Amino acid sequence: MVFKPPKSGKQDLVGFDLGTEEFRFLELPDFCLDKLFCYDIKAMGGYICLTATYREIDTVVVDVWIMEEYGVKESWIKLISCYQPEFIPDSPFAVPLAFSKNGDKVLFNISYKCRIFNNWYSLMDKFVWYDLCGERIEKVEIRGIPSVFEVHFYVESLVPINGNAVMINNEMP
């Protein structure tokens, strides 16, 4: 998905549906109209999830939004809003990764980065659970994990990478 340049005061996400081969437009929550923010967009728990990180006067704010009903602007709900003091020398980026099995927690990758000559460098990464009901953060300890890492998702699929290939006896040539 990409952002469509705002026209007449609204911003949209532009996505391409691989199944129908059509472009679709999704309006962002209203907060996006007047803020400059870094964002992350993904599917999470069957919903479209938008993470927006932006600065206020003396704070870095991370908002996580979920679109409950696909294509309906009014169905955006703010799931979490976290605040970090601006005096932290690096900028934290919080990226939600998944809901817990019962849906009451969200797993985040918190990445502390610094910017040097228009390039971002990771200083430290960590995982945390955010309890939605108790509004508490629980650190996740994983022995042997490096202090700086990247998170990538892997999803199994029965669809071959080369969709034009013909299968012979249930095997790819």
N, C-alpha and C. Protein backbone atom coordinates (compact mmCIF):
# COMPACT_ATOMS: atom_id res chain seq x y z
N MET A 1 0.84 -1.18 0.00
CA MET A 1 0.00 0.00 0.00
C MET A 1 0.88 1.24 0.00
N VAL A 2 0.40 2.28 -0.60
CA VAL A 2 1.11 3.55 -0.65
C VAL A 2 0.13 4.66 -0.31
N PHE A 3 0.68 5.80 0.06
CA PHE A 3 -0.18 6.95 0.33
C PHE A 3 -0.47 7.68 -0.96
N LYS A 4 -1.71 8.10 -1.12
CA LYS A 4 -2.11 8.94 -2.24
C LYS A 4 -1.94 10.38 -1.76
N PRO A 5 -1.36 11.27 -2.58
CA PRO A 5 -1.23 12.66 -2.15
C PRO A 5 -2.59 13.25 -1.77
N PRO A 6 -2.62 14.01 -0.67
CA PRO A 6 -3.91 14.53 -0.22
C PRO A 6 -4.53 15.50 -1.21
N LYS A 7 -5.83 15.37 -1.40
CA LYS A 7 -6.60 16.30 -2.22
C LYS A 7 -7.76 16.75 -1.36
N SER A 8 -7.99 18.01 -1.34
CA SER A 8 -9.11 18.61 -0.60
C SER A 8 -9.17 18.12 0.85
N GLY A 9 -7.99 18.05 1.49
CA GLY A 9 -7.96 17.78 2.92
C GLY A 9 -8.14 16.34 3.35
N LYS A 10 -7.99 15.36 2.46
CA LYS A 10 -8.07 13.98 2.93
C LYS A 10 -6.91 13.18 2.36
N GLN A 11 -6.50 12.14 3.12
CA GLN A 11 -5.44 11.26 2.66
C GLN A 11 -6.01 9.85 2.57
N ASP A 12 -5.55 9.12 1.57
CA ASP A 12 -6.00 7.76 1.36
C ASP A 12 -4.80 6.83 1.31
N LEU A 13 -5.05 5.57 1.62
CA LEU A 13 -4.11 4.50 1.31
C LEU A 13 -4.53 3.96 -0.05
N VAL A 14 -3.56 3.64 -0.88
CA VAL A 14 -3.86 3.04 -2.16
C VAL A 14 -3.29 1.64 -2.13
N GLY A 15 -4.13 0.65 -2.37
CA GLY A 15 -3.70 -0.73 -2.36
C GLY A 15 -4.09 -1.43 -3.64
N PHE A 16 -3.37 -2.48 -3.96
CA PHE A 16 -3.66 -3.26 -5.15
C PHE A 16 -4.11 -4.65 -4.71
N ASP A 17 -5.31 -5.04 -5.08
CA ASP A 17 -5.88 -6.34 -4.75
C ASP A 17 -5.38 -7.35 -5.77
N LEU A 18 -4.54 -8.30 -5.32
CA LEU A 18 -3.98 -9.29 -6.25
C LEU A 18 -5.04 -10.21 -6.82
N GLY A 19 -6.11 -10.46 -6.06
CA GLY A 19 -7.17 -11.36 -6.53
C GLY A 19 -7.98 -10.77 -7.66
N THR A 20 -8.35 -9.50 -7.53
CA THR A 20 -9.19 -8.87 -8.56
C THR A 20 -8.40 -8.00 -9.52
N GLU A 21 -7.11 -7.79 -9.20
CA GLU A 21 -6.24 -6.91 -9.98
C GLU A 21 -6.83 -5.51 -10.12
N GLU A 22 -7.36 -5.01 -9.01
CA GLU A 22 -7.93 -3.66 -8.97
C GLU A 22 -7.27 -2.85 -7.86
N PHE A 23 -7.21 -1.53 -8.10
CA PHE A 23 -6.74 -0.62 -7.06
C PHE A 23 -7.91 -0.25 -6.15
N ARG A 24 -7.62 -0.08 -4.88
CA ARG A 24 -8.64 0.33 -3.91
C ARG A 24 -8.10 1.47 -3.07
N PHE A 25 -8.98 2.35 -2.66
CA PHE A 25 -8.61 3.48 -1.83
C PHE A 25 -9.24 3.33 -0.46
N LEU A 26 -8.44 3.54 0.58
CA LEU A 26 -8.93 3.50 1.95
C LEU A 26 -8.57 4.82 2.62
N GLU A 27 -9.56 5.48 3.19
CA GLU A 27 -9.30 6.73 3.88
C GLU A 27 -8.64 6.47 5.22
N LEU A 28 -7.70 7.33 5.58
CA LEU A 28 -7.01 7.23 6.86
C LEU A 28 -7.85 7.89 7.96
N PRO A 29 -7.53 7.60 9.22
CA PRO A 29 -8.22 8.30 10.31
C PRO A 29 -7.97 9.80 10.22
N ASP A 30 -8.86 10.59 10.78
CA ASP A 30 -8.78 12.05 10.67
C ASP A 30 -7.50 12.64 11.25
N PHE A 31 -6.88 11.98 12.23
CA PHE A 31 -5.68 12.55 12.84
C PHE A 31 -4.58 12.74 11.80
N CYS A 32 -4.59 11.98 10.73
CA CYS A 32 -3.53 12.00 9.72
C CYS A 32 -3.54 13.27 8.88
N LEU A 33 -4.59 14.07 8.99
CA LEU A 33 -4.72 15.23 8.10
C LEU A 33 -3.76 16.36 8.44
N ASP A 34 -3.36 16.47 9.72
CA ASP A 34 -2.57 17.65 10.09
C ASP A 34 -1.25 17.29 10.77
N LYS A 35 -0.78 16.07 10.63
CA LYS A 35 0.46 15.67 11.28
C LYS A 35 1.43 15.07 10.26
N LEU A 36 2.71 15.32 10.48
CA LEU A 36 3.76 14.67 9.73
C LEU A 36 4.18 13.46 10.56
N PHE A 37 4.09 12.25 10.00
CA PHE A 37 4.35 11.07 10.81
C PHE A 37 5.05 9.99 10.00
N CYS A 38 5.75 9.10 10.72
CA CYS A 38 6.29 7.88 10.15
C CYS A 38 5.22 6.82 10.34
N TYR A 39 5.10 5.88 9.42
CA TYR A 39 4.01 4.93 9.52
C TYR A 39 4.46 3.51 9.19
N ASP A 40 3.67 2.57 9.64
CA ASP A 40 3.82 1.16 9.30
C ASP A 40 2.41 0.64 9.07
N ILE A 41 2.22 -0.10 7.99
CA ILE A 41 0.90 -0.64 7.66
C ILE A 41 1.05 -2.14 7.45
N LYS A 42 0.13 -2.90 8.03
CA LYS A 42 0.18 -4.35 7.85
C LYS A 42 -1.18 -4.93 8.15
N ALA A 43 -1.34 -6.20 7.79
CA ALA A 43 -2.51 -6.96 8.21
C ALA A 43 -2.14 -7.62 9.53
N MET A 44 -3.02 -7.49 10.52
CA MET A 44 -2.75 -8.09 11.83
C MET A 44 -4.07 -8.58 12.40
N GLY A 45 -4.14 -9.86 12.67
CA GLY A 45 -5.35 -10.43 13.24
C GLY A 45 -6.57 -10.27 12.35
N GLY A 46 -6.36 -10.23 11.03
CA GLY A 46 -7.47 -10.09 10.10
C GLY A 46 -7.90 -8.65 9.86
N TYR A 47 -7.20 -7.69 10.46
CA TYR A 47 -7.52 -6.27 10.30
C TYR A 47 -6.37 -5.54 9.62
N ILE A 48 -6.67 -4.38 9.05
CA ILE A 48 -5.61 -3.49 8.60
C ILE A 48 -5.16 -2.71 9.82
N CYS A 49 -3.84 -2.69 10.03
CA CYS A 49 -3.27 -2.04 11.21
C CYS A 49 -2.34 -0.92 10.75
N LEU A 50 -2.56 0.29 11.24
CA LEU A 50 -1.74 1.45 10.92
C LEU A 50 -1.05 1.92 12.19
N THR A 51 0.27 2.00 12.16
CA THR A 51 1.03 2.55 13.28
C THR A 51 1.60 3.88 12.83
N ALA A 52 1.31 4.93 13.57
CA ALA A 52 1.78 6.27 13.24
C ALA A 52 2.65 6.78 14.38
N THR A 53 3.88 7.19 14.07
CA THR A 53 4.80 7.76 15.06
C THR A 53 5.02 9.21 14.67
N TYR A 54 4.79 10.11 15.62
CA TYR A 54 4.93 11.53 15.32
C TYR A 54 5.36 12.28 16.57
N ARG A 55 5.81 13.51 16.38
CA ARG A 55 6.26 14.34 17.49
C ARG A 55 5.20 15.37 17.84
N GLU A 56 5.03 15.54 19.15
CA GLU A 56 4.27 16.68 19.65
C GLU A 56 5.29 17.59 20.31
N ILE A 57 4.86 18.61 21.01
CA ILE A 57 5.79 19.62 21.51
C ILE A 57 6.99 19.03 22.24
N ASP A 58 6.79 18.20 23.23
CA ASP A 58 7.90 17.64 23.99
C ASP A 58 7.83 16.12 24.10
N THR A 59 7.17 15.48 23.14
CA THR A 59 6.90 14.06 23.24
C THR A 59 6.92 13.38 21.87
N VAL A 60 7.33 12.13 21.86
CA VAL A 60 7.16 11.27 20.69
C VAL A 60 5.93 10.42 20.97
N VAL A 61 4.97 10.41 20.05
CA VAL A 61 3.71 9.68 20.23
C VAL A 61 3.64 8.55 19.21
N VAL A 62 3.22 7.38 19.67
CA VAL A 62 3.00 6.23 18.80
C VAL A 62 1.53 5.84 18.94
N ASP A 63 0.78 5.97 17.86
CA ASP A 63 -0.63 5.57 17.83
C ASP A 63 -0.77 4.32 16.97
N VAL A 64 -1.55 3.37 17.45
CA VAL A 64 -1.84 2.16 16.68
C VAL A 64 -3.34 2.15 16.40
N TRP A 65 -3.69 2.10 15.12
CA TRP A 65 -5.08 2.12 14.67
C TRP A 65 -5.42 0.80 13.99
N ILE A 66 -6.64 0.32 14.18
CA ILE A 66 -7.14 -0.89 13.54
C ILE A 66 -8.40 -0.50 12.76
N MET A 67 -8.48 -0.96 11.49
CA MET A 67 -9.70 -0.75 10.71
C MET A 67 -10.56 -2.00 10.91
N GLU A 68 -11.65 -1.86 11.67
CA GLU A 68 -12.49 -3.01 12.01
C GLU A 68 -13.31 -3.53 10.83
N GLU A 69 -13.76 -2.62 9.96
CA GLU A 69 -14.55 -3.02 8.80
C GLU A 69 -13.85 -2.48 7.56
N TYR A 70 -13.37 -3.40 6.74
CA TYR A 70 -12.57 -3.02 5.58
C TYR A 70 -13.30 -2.01 4.70
N GLY A 71 -12.61 -0.90 4.41
CA GLY A 71 -13.14 0.11 3.50
C GLY A 71 -14.04 1.14 4.14
N VAL A 72 -14.32 1.03 5.45
CA VAL A 72 -15.21 1.99 6.12
C VAL A 72 -14.36 2.90 7.01
N LYS A 73 -14.22 4.16 6.60
CA LYS A 73 -13.37 5.11 7.34
C LYS A 73 -13.78 5.22 8.80
N GLU A 74 -15.07 5.21 9.07
CA GLU A 74 -15.55 5.38 10.43
C GLU A 74 -15.22 4.19 11.33
N SER A 75 -14.74 3.09 10.74
CA SER A 75 -14.44 1.91 11.56
C SER A 75 -13.00 1.90 12.09
N TRP A 76 -12.20 2.94 11.77
CA TRP A 76 -10.87 3.05 12.38
C TRP A 76 -11.04 3.27 13.87
N ILE A 77 -10.38 2.47 14.68
CA ILE A 77 -10.37 2.71 16.13
C ILE A 77 -8.92 2.78 16.60
N LYS A 78 -8.67 3.69 17.54
CA LYS A 78 -7.34 3.80 18.10
C LYS A 78 -7.19 2.72 19.15
N LEU A 79 -6.28 1.80 18.91
CA LEU A 79 -6.06 0.68 19.81
C LEU A 79 -5.18 1.10 20.98
N ILE A 80 -4.11 1.82 20.69
CA ILE A 80 -3.13 2.19 21.71
C ILE A 80 -2.55 3.56 21.34
N SER A 81 -2.23 4.34 22.36
CA SER A 81 -1.47 5.56 22.18
C SER A 81 -0.40 5.59 23.26
N CYS A 82 0.86 5.56 22.84
CA CYS A 82 1.99 5.55 23.78
C CYS A 82 2.77 6.84 23.64
N TYR A 83 3.30 7.32 24.75
CA TYR A 83 4.06 8.56 24.76
C TYR A 83 5.47 8.31 25.28
N GLN A 84 6.46 8.90 24.61
CA GLN A 84 7.85 8.80 25.04
C GLN A 84 8.39 10.22 25.16
N PRO A 85 9.12 10.52 26.24
CA PRO A 85 9.71 11.86 26.36
C PRO A 85 10.68 12.14 25.22
N GLU A 86 10.67 13.37 24.73
CA GLU A 86 11.52 13.73 23.59
C GLU A 86 12.98 13.76 23.96
N PHE A 87 13.31 13.85 25.25
CA PHE A 87 14.71 13.94 25.62
C PHE A 87 15.47 12.63 25.39
N ILE A 88 14.76 11.54 25.03
CA ILE A 88 15.46 10.31 24.67
C ILE A 88 16.30 10.63 23.43
N PRO A 89 17.61 10.35 23.44
CA PRO A 89 18.46 10.78 22.34
C PRO A 89 18.18 10.12 21.00
N ASP A 90 17.47 9.01 21.00
CA ASP A 90 17.15 8.35 19.74
C ASP A 90 15.63 8.24 19.63
N SER A 91 15.17 7.91 18.47
CA SER A 91 13.73 7.87 18.24
C SER A 91 13.23 6.44 18.33
N PRO A 92 12.24 6.17 19.20
CA PRO A 92 11.69 4.81 19.26
C PRO A 92 10.63 4.61 18.18
N PHE A 93 10.69 3.47 17.53
CA PHE A 93 9.67 3.09 16.57
C PHE A 93 9.00 1.84 17.12
N ALA A 94 7.72 1.90 17.34
CA ALA A 94 6.97 0.76 17.87
C ALA A 94 6.15 0.16 16.74
N VAL A 95 6.39 -1.11 16.47
CA VAL A 95 5.68 -1.79 15.40
C VAL A 95 4.94 -2.99 15.98
N PRO A 96 3.60 -2.98 15.89
CA PRO A 96 2.85 -4.15 16.38
C PRO A 96 3.09 -5.32 15.45
N LEU A 97 3.23 -6.51 16.05
CA LEU A 97 3.51 -7.71 15.25
C LEU A 97 2.34 -8.68 15.22
N ALA A 98 1.68 -8.86 16.38
CA ALA A 98 0.61 -9.86 16.44
C ALA A 98 -0.20 -9.68 17.71
N PHE A 99 -1.43 -10.20 17.67
CA PHE A 99 -2.25 -10.30 18.87
C PHE A 99 -1.90 -11.60 19.58
N SER A 100 -2.10 -11.64 20.91
CA SER A 100 -1.96 -12.90 21.64
C SER A 100 -3.09 -13.82 21.23
N LYS A 101 -3.01 -15.09 21.62
CA LYS A 101 -4.03 -16.07 21.23
C LYS A 101 -5.43 -15.64 21.66
N ASN A 102 -5.56 -15.06 22.86
CA ASN A 102 -6.90 -14.65 23.32
C ASN A 102 -7.21 -13.20 22.98
N GLY A 103 -6.30 -12.49 22.30
CA GLY A 103 -6.58 -11.15 21.81
C GLY A 103 -6.48 -10.04 22.82
N ASP A 104 -6.01 -10.32 24.04
CA ASP A 104 -5.96 -9.27 25.05
C ASP A 104 -4.61 -8.56 25.13
N LYS A 105 -3.62 -9.03 24.34
CA LYS A 105 -2.29 -8.41 24.32
C LYS A 105 -1.84 -8.23 22.88
N VAL A 106 -0.93 -7.27 22.69
CA VAL A 106 -0.32 -7.04 21.37
C VAL A 106 1.19 -7.15 21.55
N LEU A 107 1.84 -7.95 20.69
CA LEU A 107 3.30 -8.07 20.69
C LEU A 107 3.88 -6.96 19.83
N PHE A 108 4.81 -6.20 20.39
CA PHE A 108 5.46 -5.10 19.69
C PHE A 108 6.95 -5.37 19.52
N ASN A 109 7.51 -4.87 18.41
CA ASN A 109 8.95 -4.74 18.27
C ASN A 109 9.24 -3.26 18.49
N ILE A 110 9.99 -2.96 19.54
CA ILE A 110 10.39 -1.57 19.81
C ILE A 110 11.81 -1.42 19.32
N SER A 111 12.01 -0.52 18.39
CA SER A 111 13.31 -0.32 17.78
C SER A 111 13.76 1.11 18.04
N TYR A 112 14.92 1.25 18.67
CA TYR A 112 15.48 2.58 18.92
C TYR A 112 16.48 2.87 17.81
N LYS A 113 16.23 3.97 17.11
CA LYS A 113 17.05 4.31 15.94
C LYS A 113 17.54 5.74 16.05
N CYS A 114 18.67 6.00 15.42
CA CYS A 114 19.15 7.38 15.32
C CYS A 114 19.34 7.70 13.84
N ARG A 115 19.26 8.97 13.54
CA ARG A 115 19.36 9.41 12.15
C ARG A 115 20.67 10.18 11.98
N ILE A 116 21.48 9.72 11.03
CA ILE A 116 22.75 10.39 10.73
C ILE A 116 22.78 10.63 9.22
N PHE A 117 22.81 11.90 8.84
CA PHE A 117 22.86 12.28 7.43
C PHE A 117 21.80 11.55 6.61
N ASN A 118 20.54 11.66 7.02
CA ASN A 118 19.38 11.09 6.33
C ASN A 118 19.34 9.57 6.27
N ASN A 119 20.18 8.90 7.04
CA ASN A 119 20.14 7.44 7.14
C ASN A 119 19.77 7.05 8.57
N TRP A 120 18.89 6.05 8.71
CA TRP A 120 18.49 5.56 10.03
C TRP A 120 19.35 4.37 10.40
N TYR A 121 19.84 4.36 11.64
CA TYR A 121 20.65 3.27 12.17
C TYR A 121 20.01 2.74 13.44
N SER A 122 19.91 1.40 13.53
CA SER A 122 19.34 0.79 14.73
C SER A 122 20.38 0.78 15.84
N LEU A 123 19.93 1.16 17.03
CA LEU A 123 20.78 1.14 18.21
C LEU A 123 20.44 -0.04 19.12
N MET A 124 19.12 -0.35 19.18
CA MET A 124 18.67 -1.43 20.04
C MET A 124 17.26 -1.82 19.63
N ASP A 125 16.95 -3.10 19.71
CA ASP A 125 15.61 -3.61 19.44
C ASP A 125 15.19 -4.48 20.61
N LYS A 126 13.87 -4.52 20.85
CA LYS A 126 13.36 -5.43 21.89
C LYS A 126 11.90 -5.74 21.59
N PHE A 127 11.45 -6.85 22.18
CA PHE A 127 10.05 -7.25 22.10
C PHE A 127 9.37 -6.94 23.41
N VAL A 128 8.12 -6.48 23.33
CA VAL A 128 7.30 -6.27 24.53
C VAL A 128 5.87 -6.69 24.23
N TRP A 129 5.17 -7.16 25.26
CA TRP A 129 3.73 -7.39 25.17
C TRP A 129 3.06 -6.16 25.76
N TYR A 130 2.01 -5.68 25.11
CA TYR A 130 1.20 -4.59 25.65
C TYR A 130 -0.16 -5.17 26.02
N ASP A 131 -0.52 -5.08 27.30
CA ASP A 131 -1.79 -5.57 27.81
C ASP A 131 -2.86 -4.52 27.52
N LEU A 132 -3.81 -4.84 26.65
CA LEU A 132 -4.83 -3.87 26.24
C LEU A 132 -5.76 -3.47 27.38
N CYS A 133 -6.11 -4.42 28.23
CA CYS A 133 -7.04 -4.11 29.33
C CYS A 133 -6.33 -3.38 30.47
N GLY A 134 -5.17 -3.89 30.87
CA GLY A 134 -4.45 -3.29 31.99
C GLY A 134 -3.57 -2.13 31.60
N GLU A 135 -3.39 -1.91 30.28
CA GLU A 135 -2.54 -0.85 29.75
C GLU A 135 -1.15 -0.90 30.38
N ARG A 136 -0.58 -2.11 30.40
CA ARG A 136 0.75 -2.32 30.96
C ARG A 136 1.65 -2.94 29.89
N ILE A 137 2.95 -2.71 30.07
CA ILE A 137 3.94 -3.29 29.17
C ILE A 137 4.71 -4.36 29.92
N GLU A 138 4.89 -5.50 29.25
CA GLU A 138 5.63 -6.62 29.82
C GLU A 138 6.80 -6.93 28.89
N LYS A 139 8.02 -6.88 29.41
CA LYS A 139 9.20 -7.18 28.60
C LYS A 139 9.22 -8.66 28.23
N VAL A 140 9.74 -8.94 27.03
CA VAL A 140 9.91 -10.32 26.57
C VAL A 140 11.41 -10.59 26.57
N GLU A 141 11.82 -11.56 27.35
CA GLU A 141 13.24 -11.93 27.43
C GLU A 141 13.49 -13.16 26.57
N ILE A 142 14.43 -13.04 25.63
CA ILE A 142 14.83 -14.17 24.79
C ILE A 142 16.35 -14.27 24.90
N ARG A 143 16.82 -15.34 25.49
CA ARG A 143 18.27 -15.52 25.68
C ARG A 143 18.97 -15.68 24.33
N GLY A 144 20.11 -15.03 24.20
CA GLY A 144 20.93 -15.19 23.01
C GLY A 144 20.55 -14.32 21.84
N ILE A 145 19.47 -13.56 21.94
CA ILE A 145 19.07 -12.70 20.83
C ILE A 145 19.99 -11.48 20.80
N PRO A 146 20.43 -11.06 19.61
CA PRO A 146 21.30 -9.87 19.55
C PRO A 146 20.54 -8.61 19.96
N SER A 147 21.27 -7.57 20.31
CA SER A 147 20.61 -6.33 20.74
C SER A 147 20.01 -5.55 19.58
N VAL A 148 20.48 -5.83 18.36
CA VAL A 148 19.92 -5.18 17.17
C VAL A 148 19.49 -6.29 16.21
N PHE A 149 18.24 -6.24 15.75
CA PHE A 149 17.73 -7.25 14.85
C PHE A 149 16.60 -6.69 14.02
N GLU A 150 16.21 -7.41 12.99
CA GLU A 150 15.06 -7.05 12.16
C GLU A 150 14.02 -8.15 12.27
N VAL A 151 12.77 -7.79 12.09
CA VAL A 151 11.68 -8.75 12.13
C VAL A 151 11.09 -8.87 10.74
N HIS A 152 10.98 -10.10 10.26
CA HIS A 152 10.36 -10.38 8.97
C HIS A 152 9.34 -11.48 9.18
N PHE A 153 8.23 -11.41 8.46
CA PHE A 153 7.18 -12.41 8.58
C PHE A 153 7.32 -13.45 7.49
N TYR A 154 6.96 -14.65 7.84
CA TYR A 154 6.94 -15.75 6.88
C TYR A 154 5.55 -16.37 6.95
N VAL A 155 4.88 -16.47 5.82
CA VAL A 155 3.56 -17.07 5.76
C VAL A 155 3.61 -18.17 4.71
N GLU A 156 3.26 -19.38 5.12
CA GLU A 156 3.24 -20.48 4.16
C GLU A 156 2.09 -20.30 3.19
N SER A 157 2.28 -20.80 1.97
CA SER A 157 1.25 -20.69 0.95
C SER A 157 1.34 -21.90 0.02
N LEU A 158 0.21 -22.32 -0.48
CA LEU A 158 0.18 -23.39 -1.47
C LEU A 158 0.26 -22.82 -2.88
N VAL A 159 0.28 -21.51 -3.01
CA VAL A 159 0.36 -20.87 -4.32
C VAL A 159 1.83 -20.83 -4.72
N PRO A 160 2.18 -21.36 -5.90
CA PRO A 160 3.59 -21.35 -6.32
C PRO A 160 4.07 -19.92 -6.58
N ILE A 161 5.34 -19.70 -6.34
CA ILE A 161 5.92 -18.37 -6.58
C ILE A 161 5.80 -18.02 -8.05
N ASN A 162 6.07 -18.97 -8.93
CA ASN A 162 5.93 -18.75 -10.36
C ASN A 162 4.54 -19.24 -10.76
N GLY A 163 3.56 -18.36 -10.73
CA GLY A 163 2.18 -18.74 -11.01
C GLY A 163 1.94 -19.21 -12.43
N ASN A 164 2.86 -18.93 -13.36
CA ASN A 164 2.69 -19.35 -14.75
C ASN A 164 3.20 -20.76 -15.00
N ALA A 165 3.94 -21.33 -14.02
CA ALA A 165 4.50 -22.68 -14.20
C ALA A 165 3.37 -23.70 -14.18
N VAL A 166 3.55 -24.75 -14.95
CA VAL A 166 2.57 -25.83 -15.01
C VAL A 166 3.06 -26.97 -14.13
N MET A 167 2.18 -27.48 -13.25
CA MET A 167 2.57 -28.59 -12.39
C MET A 167 2.35 -29.90 -13.15
N ILE A 168 3.34 -30.79 -13.07
CA ILE A 168 3.27 -32.12 -13.68
C ILE A 168 3.38 -33.14 -12.56
N ASN A 169 2.34 -33.99 -12.42
CA ASN A 169 2.31 -34.99 -11.35
C ASN A 169 2.52 -34.35 -9.97
N ASN A 170 1.84 -33.22 -9.74
CA ASN A 170 1.90 -32.47 -8.48
C ASN A 170 3.30 -31.96 -8.15
N GLU A 171 4.16 -31.80 -9.15
CA GLU A 171 5.50 -31.27 -8.93
C GLU A 171 5.76 -30.16 -9.93
N MET A 172 6.56 -29.21 -9.49
CA MET A 172 6.96 -28.12 -10.38
C MET A 172 8.08 -28.63 -11.30
N PRO A 173 8.09 -28.24 -12.57
CA PRO A 173 9.17 -28.68 -13.48
C PRO A 173 10.49 -28.04 -13.10
